[in-house]
Amino acid sequence: MNRTASSEASAGSAVSASLLWPLRIFMGLTFLYAGLQHLTDPSYLDPTRPGYIGHLISQYAVGSPIQGFLLGVVEPNALTFGYLVGIGESLIGIATLFGFLLRIATLSGLLLSFTFFLSATWNVFPFYFGSDIVFVMCWLTLFLAGPQSGQSLDGILASRYPSLGWLVAKLFQTTLKTSPSRIAYTSKVEVPVSEQARLYPKQVLEVNRAFDRIKEQFTSHEETQTILEFARAFVISLGVDRHDSQKILSSIQNIVKRDPWEQNPSKQV
């Protein structure tokens, strides 16, 4: 890949990373606000008031697919879960905004939103009127995208401390596909000849001539010629001795003398 393609790929990655900022800011601020609201709402943690989390859980459990968990585990420990939800939402929001432990934060947000979807908004009809299922998809997008390079604390820490590279590791490795027109093919590859090969200039000359004869069969195939040049460089850089030279030249001569019609019987008419 030439430098133009590499620079375009880097620019494309930077643009893609920047596009995630609106989503990061929205989700971060939303969860931070929700967490602070829960922690500062006097009725949310007060069993004597209608807005108490325990009363809300009893309402959410009706018709919920996790009704047993809500009534058997969460409601008896409503106050504890109330603090966990408020603190958890606040920490998730802060971590998302700063990009610190982003994948852990987004996965936690996804699980929390999915729990809310199965309880608080399960009975909302149609389903798209409820925000929690939308939050699940938003968290999933941020989780798969991961920390943005240079735009998160995870990226900064990973660049300074190699042992923290797992923070920004990609979940899926992708290969950049580049059109053939952007690939720079060279007609000849200059490779320094090893000292051992210089002891046998005649053999090196014969190898070069044999490769030249092979290349003449592929004058219209730049890719094949490039591969042959790399093969030529590899053979020469091995340091051709008298014994190996004869085997190499013999194989090359067989390829040169072989009938092209015999190699591709399907092309015969």
Protein backbone atom coordinates (compact mmCIF):
# COMPACT_ATOMS: atom_id res chain seq x y z
CA MET A 1 0.00 0.00 0.00
CA ASN A 2 1.44 3.37 -0.90
CA ARG A 3 1.66 6.38 1.36
CA THR A 4 -1.40 8.00 -0.15
CA ALA A 5 -3.58 5.03 0.73
CA SER A 6 -2.12 4.87 4.25
CA SER A 7 -2.74 8.56 4.91
CA GLU A 8 -6.28 8.29 3.60
CA ALA A 9 -6.90 5.29 5.85
CA SER A 10 -5.61 7.20 8.89
CA ALA A 11 -7.75 10.21 8.03
CA GLY A 12 -10.77 7.95 7.59
CA SER A 13 -10.19 6.38 11.01
CA ALA A 14 -9.95 9.81 12.65
CA VAL A 15 -13.18 10.93 11.03
CA SER A 16 -14.98 7.73 12.07
CA ALA A 17 -13.80 8.19 15.66
CA SER A 18 -15.00 11.80 15.74
CA LEU A 19 -18.46 10.71 14.59
CA LEU A 20 -18.93 8.80 17.85
CA TRP A 21 -18.56 11.91 20.01
CA PRO A 22 -22.25 12.98 19.86
CA LEU A 23 -23.31 9.51 20.99
CA ARG A 24 -20.67 9.38 23.74
CA ILE A 25 -21.64 12.81 25.08
CA PHE A 26 -25.36 12.06 25.00
CA MET A 27 -25.09 8.68 26.72
CA GLY A 28 -22.53 9.94 29.22
CA LEU A 29 -24.53 12.98 30.25
CA THR A 30 -27.82 11.06 30.30
CA PHE A 31 -26.53 8.39 32.69
CA LEU A 32 -24.65 10.89 34.83
CA TYR A 33 -27.84 12.96 35.17
CA ALA A 34 -29.94 9.87 35.92
CA GLY A 35 -27.51 8.71 38.59
CA LEU A 36 -27.32 12.09 40.32
CA GLN A 37 -31.09 12.45 40.16
CA HIS A 38 -31.60 9.08 41.84
CA LEU A 39 -29.07 9.84 44.57
CA THR A 40 -30.47 13.31 45.32
CA ASP A 41 -34.18 12.47 45.07
CA PRO A 42 -35.45 12.28 48.68
CA SER A 43 -38.38 10.01 47.78
CA TYR A 44 -36.29 7.48 45.77
CA LEU A 45 -34.56 6.11 48.87
CA ASP A 46 -37.33 6.78 51.41
CA PRO A 47 -39.61 3.75 52.07
CA THR A 48 -42.36 6.05 53.40
CA ARG A 49 -42.84 7.87 50.10
CA PRO A 50 -44.68 6.79 46.93
CA GLY A 51 -41.55 7.25 44.77
CA TYR A 52 -39.54 4.73 46.79
CA ILE A 53 -37.59 2.32 44.62
CA GLY A 54 -39.13 -0.67 46.38
CA HIS A 55 -42.64 0.46 45.39
CA LEU A 56 -41.48 1.07 41.83
CA ILE A 57 -39.99 -2.43 41.59
CA SER A 58 -43.32 -3.96 42.67
CA GLN A 59 -45.02 -2.10 39.82
CA TYR A 60 -42.34 -3.00 37.26
CA ALA A 61 -42.52 -6.70 38.19
CA VAL A 62 -46.09 -7.05 36.90
CA GLY A 63 -45.89 -8.94 33.60
CA SER A 64 -42.07 -8.72 33.51
CA PRO A 65 -40.10 -11.76 32.26
CA ILE A 66 -37.77 -11.34 35.28
CA GLN A 67 -40.60 -10.99 37.79
CA GLY A 68 -39.17 -13.66 40.09
CA PHE A 69 -35.80 -11.92 40.28
CA LEU A 70 -37.39 -8.52 40.92
CA LEU A 71 -39.71 -9.71 43.70
CA GLY A 72 -37.41 -12.33 45.22
CA VAL A 73 -34.04 -10.54 45.13
CA VAL A 74 -34.33 -6.86 44.28
CA GLU A 75 -37.40 -5.78 46.25
CA PRO A 76 -36.24 -7.21 49.62
CA ASN A 77 -32.97 -5.31 49.13
CA ALA A 78 -34.47 -2.28 47.41
CA LEU A 79 -32.43 0.29 49.29
CA THR A 80 -29.14 -1.42 48.46
CA PHE A 81 -30.07 -1.77 44.80
CA GLY A 82 -31.20 1.85 44.77
CA TYR A 83 -27.76 3.04 45.82
CA LEU A 84 -26.08 0.63 43.40
CA VAL A 85 -28.16 1.92 40.49
CA GLY A 86 -27.56 5.59 41.33
CA ILE A 87 -23.82 5.20 41.87
CA GLY A 88 -23.49 2.84 38.90
CA GLU A 89 -25.24 5.23 36.52
CA SER A 90 -23.05 8.11 37.67
CA LEU A 91 -19.81 6.16 37.25
CA ILE A 92 -20.87 4.85 33.83
CA GLY A 93 -21.67 8.38 32.69
CA ILE A 94 -18.32 9.79 33.88
CA ALA A 95 -16.32 6.89 32.41
CA THR A 96 -18.08 7.27 29.06
CA LEU A 97 -17.43 10.99 28.86
CA PHE A 98 -13.74 10.64 29.65
CA GLY A 99 -13.22 7.35 27.82
CA PHE A 100 -11.82 5.62 30.90
CA LEU A 101 -12.32 1.84 30.96
CA LEU A 102 -14.76 2.58 28.16
CA ARG A 103 -15.55 -0.98 27.17
CA ILE A 104 -16.26 -1.97 30.78
CA ALA A 105 -18.42 1.13 31.21
CA THR A 106 -20.39 0.59 27.99
CA LEU A 107 -20.93 -3.09 28.75
CA SER A 108 -22.19 -2.16 32.23
CA GLY A 109 -24.50 0.45 30.70
CA LEU A 110 -25.78 -2.11 28.21
CA LEU A 111 -26.60 -4.65 30.93
CA LEU A 112 -28.24 -2.01 33.12
CA SER A 113 -30.34 -0.65 30.25
CA PHE A 114 -31.36 -4.17 29.24
CA THR A 115 -32.48 -4.86 32.82
CA PHE A 116 -34.52 -1.66 32.76
CA PHE A 117 -36.04 -2.75 29.44
CA LEU A 118 -37.11 -6.10 30.94
CA SER A 119 -38.67 -4.37 33.94
CA ALA A 120 -39.43 -0.62 33.84
CA THR A 121 -40.36 -0.40 30.15
CA TRP A 122 -41.32 -4.00 29.38
CA ASN A 123 -45.03 -3.19 29.32
CA VAL A 124 -44.61 -0.07 27.15
CA PHE A 125 -46.45 -0.59 23.85
CA PRO A 126 -45.30 -0.27 21.17
CA PHE A 127 -41.78 -1.08 22.29
CA TYR A 128 -40.16 1.91 20.56
CA PHE A 129 -41.94 4.27 22.97
CA GLY A 130 -39.57 3.03 25.67
CA SER A 131 -36.08 4.54 25.79
CA ASP A 132 -34.28 1.61 27.39
CA ILE A 133 -34.20 -0.60 24.28
CA VAL A 134 -32.76 2.36 22.35
CA PHE A 135 -30.11 2.82 25.05
CA VAL A 136 -29.19 -0.87 24.68
CA MET A 137 -28.40 -0.35 20.99
CA CYS A 138 -26.45 2.84 21.74
CA TRP A 139 -24.32 1.11 24.36
CA LEU A 140 -23.76 -1.81 22.02
CA THR A 141 -22.46 0.55 19.32
CA LEU A 142 -20.02 2.22 21.72
CA PHE A 143 -18.91 -1.16 23.08
CA LEU A 144 -18.10 -2.55 19.63
CA ALA A 145 -16.39 0.67 18.50
CA GLY A 146 -14.20 0.79 21.58
CA PRO A 147 -12.07 3.71 22.78
CA GLN A 148 -11.24 6.35 20.18
CA SER A 149 -7.52 6.74 19.63
CA GLY A 150 -6.31 10.05 21.06
CA GLN A 151 -9.83 10.90 22.19
CA SER A 152 -10.07 8.87 25.38
CA LEU A 153 -8.09 8.26 28.55
CA ASP A 154 -7.82 4.60 27.54
CA GLY A 155 -6.01 5.57 24.33
CA ILE A 156 -3.62 7.91 26.17
CA LEU A 157 -2.82 5.32 28.84
CA ALA A 158 -2.28 2.56 26.27
CA SER A 159 0.13 4.75 24.27
CA ARG A 160 2.22 5.53 27.38
CA TYR A 161 2.04 2.11 29.02
CA PRO A 162 2.20 -0.81 26.53
CA SER A 163 0.99 -3.22 29.22
CA LEU A 164 -2.41 -1.45 29.07
CA GLY A 165 -2.83 -2.13 25.35
CA TRP A 166 -5.78 -4.39 26.14
CA LEU A 167 -7.81 -1.26 26.89
CA VAL A 168 -7.89 -0.30 23.21
CA ALA A 169 -7.58 -3.74 21.63
CA LYS A 170 -9.94 -4.20 18.69
CA LEU A 171 -12.61 -6.84 19.02
CA PHE A 172 -12.53 -7.58 15.31
CA GLN A 173 -9.50 -7.28 13.02
CA THR A 174 -10.34 -5.85 9.63
CA THR A 175 -8.23 -5.70 6.51
CA LEU A 176 -8.23 -2.50 4.50
CA LYS A 177 -9.11 -3.24 0.89
CA THR A 178 -7.35 -1.04 -1.60
CA SER A 179 -8.09 -0.86 -5.31
CA PRO A 180 -5.31 -2.16 -7.60
CA SER A 181 -4.84 1.32 -9.05
CA ARG A 182 -3.55 2.53 -5.68
CA ILE A 183 -0.88 -0.17 -5.37
CA ALA A 184 2.51 0.81 -6.65
CA TYR A 185 4.10 -2.08 -8.54
CA THR A 186 7.80 -2.00 -9.30
CA SER A 187 9.38 -3.53 -12.35
CA LYS A 188 12.49 -4.59 -10.44
CA VAL A 189 13.40 -5.06 -6.80
CA GLU A 190 16.93 -4.09 -5.83
CA VAL A 191 18.21 -6.34 -3.06
CA PRO A 192 21.79 -6.44 -1.75
CA VAL A 193 23.47 -9.73 -2.61
CA SER A 194 24.89 -11.68 0.31
CA GLU A 195 28.63 -12.20 0.63
CA GLN A 196 28.27 -15.89 -0.10
CA ALA A 197 26.40 -15.20 -3.31
CA ARG A 198 29.15 -12.86 -4.53
CA LEU A 199 31.49 -15.86 -4.51
CA TYR A 200 29.55 -17.26 -7.44
CA PRO A 201 28.77 -14.41 -9.83
CA LYS A 202 28.19 -16.83 -12.69
CA GLN A 203 25.39 -18.65 -10.84
CA VAL A 204 23.79 -15.36 -9.82
CA LEU A 205 23.88 -14.19 -13.43
CA GLU A 206 22.26 -17.43 -14.61
CA VAL A 207 19.49 -17.11 -12.00
CA ASN A 208 18.78 -13.55 -13.13
CA ARG A 209 18.60 -14.62 -16.79
CA ALA A 210 16.25 -17.49 -15.95
CA PHE A 211 13.91 -15.16 -14.05
CA ASP A 212 13.99 -12.70 -16.92
CA ARG A 213 12.86 -15.42 -19.29
CA ILE A 214 10.00 -16.33 -16.96
CA LYS A 215 8.92 -12.68 -16.67
CA GLU A 216 8.63 -12.41 -20.45
CA GLN A 217 5.68 -14.82 -20.26
CA PHE A 218 3.81 -12.39 -17.97
CA THR A 219 4.48 -9.01 -19.57
CA SER A 220 0.83 -7.96 -19.11
CA HIS A 221 0.58 -9.10 -15.48
CA GLU A 222 2.24 -6.57 -13.21
CA GLU A 223 1.21 -8.43 -10.07
CA THR A 224 2.87 -11.66 -11.23
CA GLN A 225 6.01 -9.82 -12.27
CA THR A 226 6.22 -8.22 -8.85
CA ILE A 227 5.90 -11.63 -7.17
CA LEU A 228 8.65 -13.01 -9.42
CA GLU A 229 10.92 -10.13 -8.47
CA PHE A 230 10.45 -10.92 -4.82
CA ALA A 231 11.19 -14.59 -5.57
CA ARG A 232 14.34 -13.56 -7.46
CA ALA A 233 15.48 -11.40 -4.54
CA PHE A 234 14.79 -14.21 -2.11
CA VAL A 235 16.78 -16.77 -4.13
CA ILE A 236 19.77 -14.46 -4.53
CA SER A 237 19.75 -13.34 -0.90
CA LEU A 238 20.03 -16.99 0.18
CA GLY A 239 23.63 -17.04 -1.01
CA VAL A 240 23.58 -19.42 -3.97
CA ASP A 241 26.18 -22.17 -3.74
CA ARG A 242 27.15 -24.62 -6.46
CA HIS A 243 24.91 -27.41 -5.18
CA ASP A 244 21.72 -25.44 -4.55
CA SER A 245 22.20 -23.40 -7.70
CA GLN A 246 21.80 -26.44 -9.89
CA LYS A 247 18.51 -27.41 -8.20
CA ILE A 248 17.12 -23.90 -8.48
CA LEU A 249 18.14 -23.50 -12.12
CA SER A 250 16.75 -26.93 -12.97
CA SER A 251 13.35 -26.02 -11.50
CA ILE A 252 13.34 -22.68 -13.30
CA GLN A 253 14.26 -24.31 -16.61
CA ASN A 254 11.38 -26.80 -16.25
CA ILE A 255 8.94 -23.92 -15.74
CA VAL A 256 10.31 -22.05 -18.74
CA LYS A 257 10.22 -25.08 -21.07
CA ARG A 258 6.77 -26.24 -19.98
CA ASP A 259 4.06 -25.78 -22.60
CA PRO A 260 1.58 -23.12 -21.37
CA TRP A 261 -1.24 -25.07 -23.04
CA GLU A 262 -0.25 -28.09 -21.00
CA GLN A 263 -0.46 -25.99 -17.77
CA ASN A 264 -4.02 -24.87 -18.56
CA PRO A 265 -5.78 -27.70 -20.44
CA SER A 266 -9.12 -25.92 -19.97
CA LYS A 267 -7.96 -23.22 -22.39
CA GLN A 268 -7.39 -25.67 -25.22
CA VAL A 269 -9.93 -25.43 -28.01
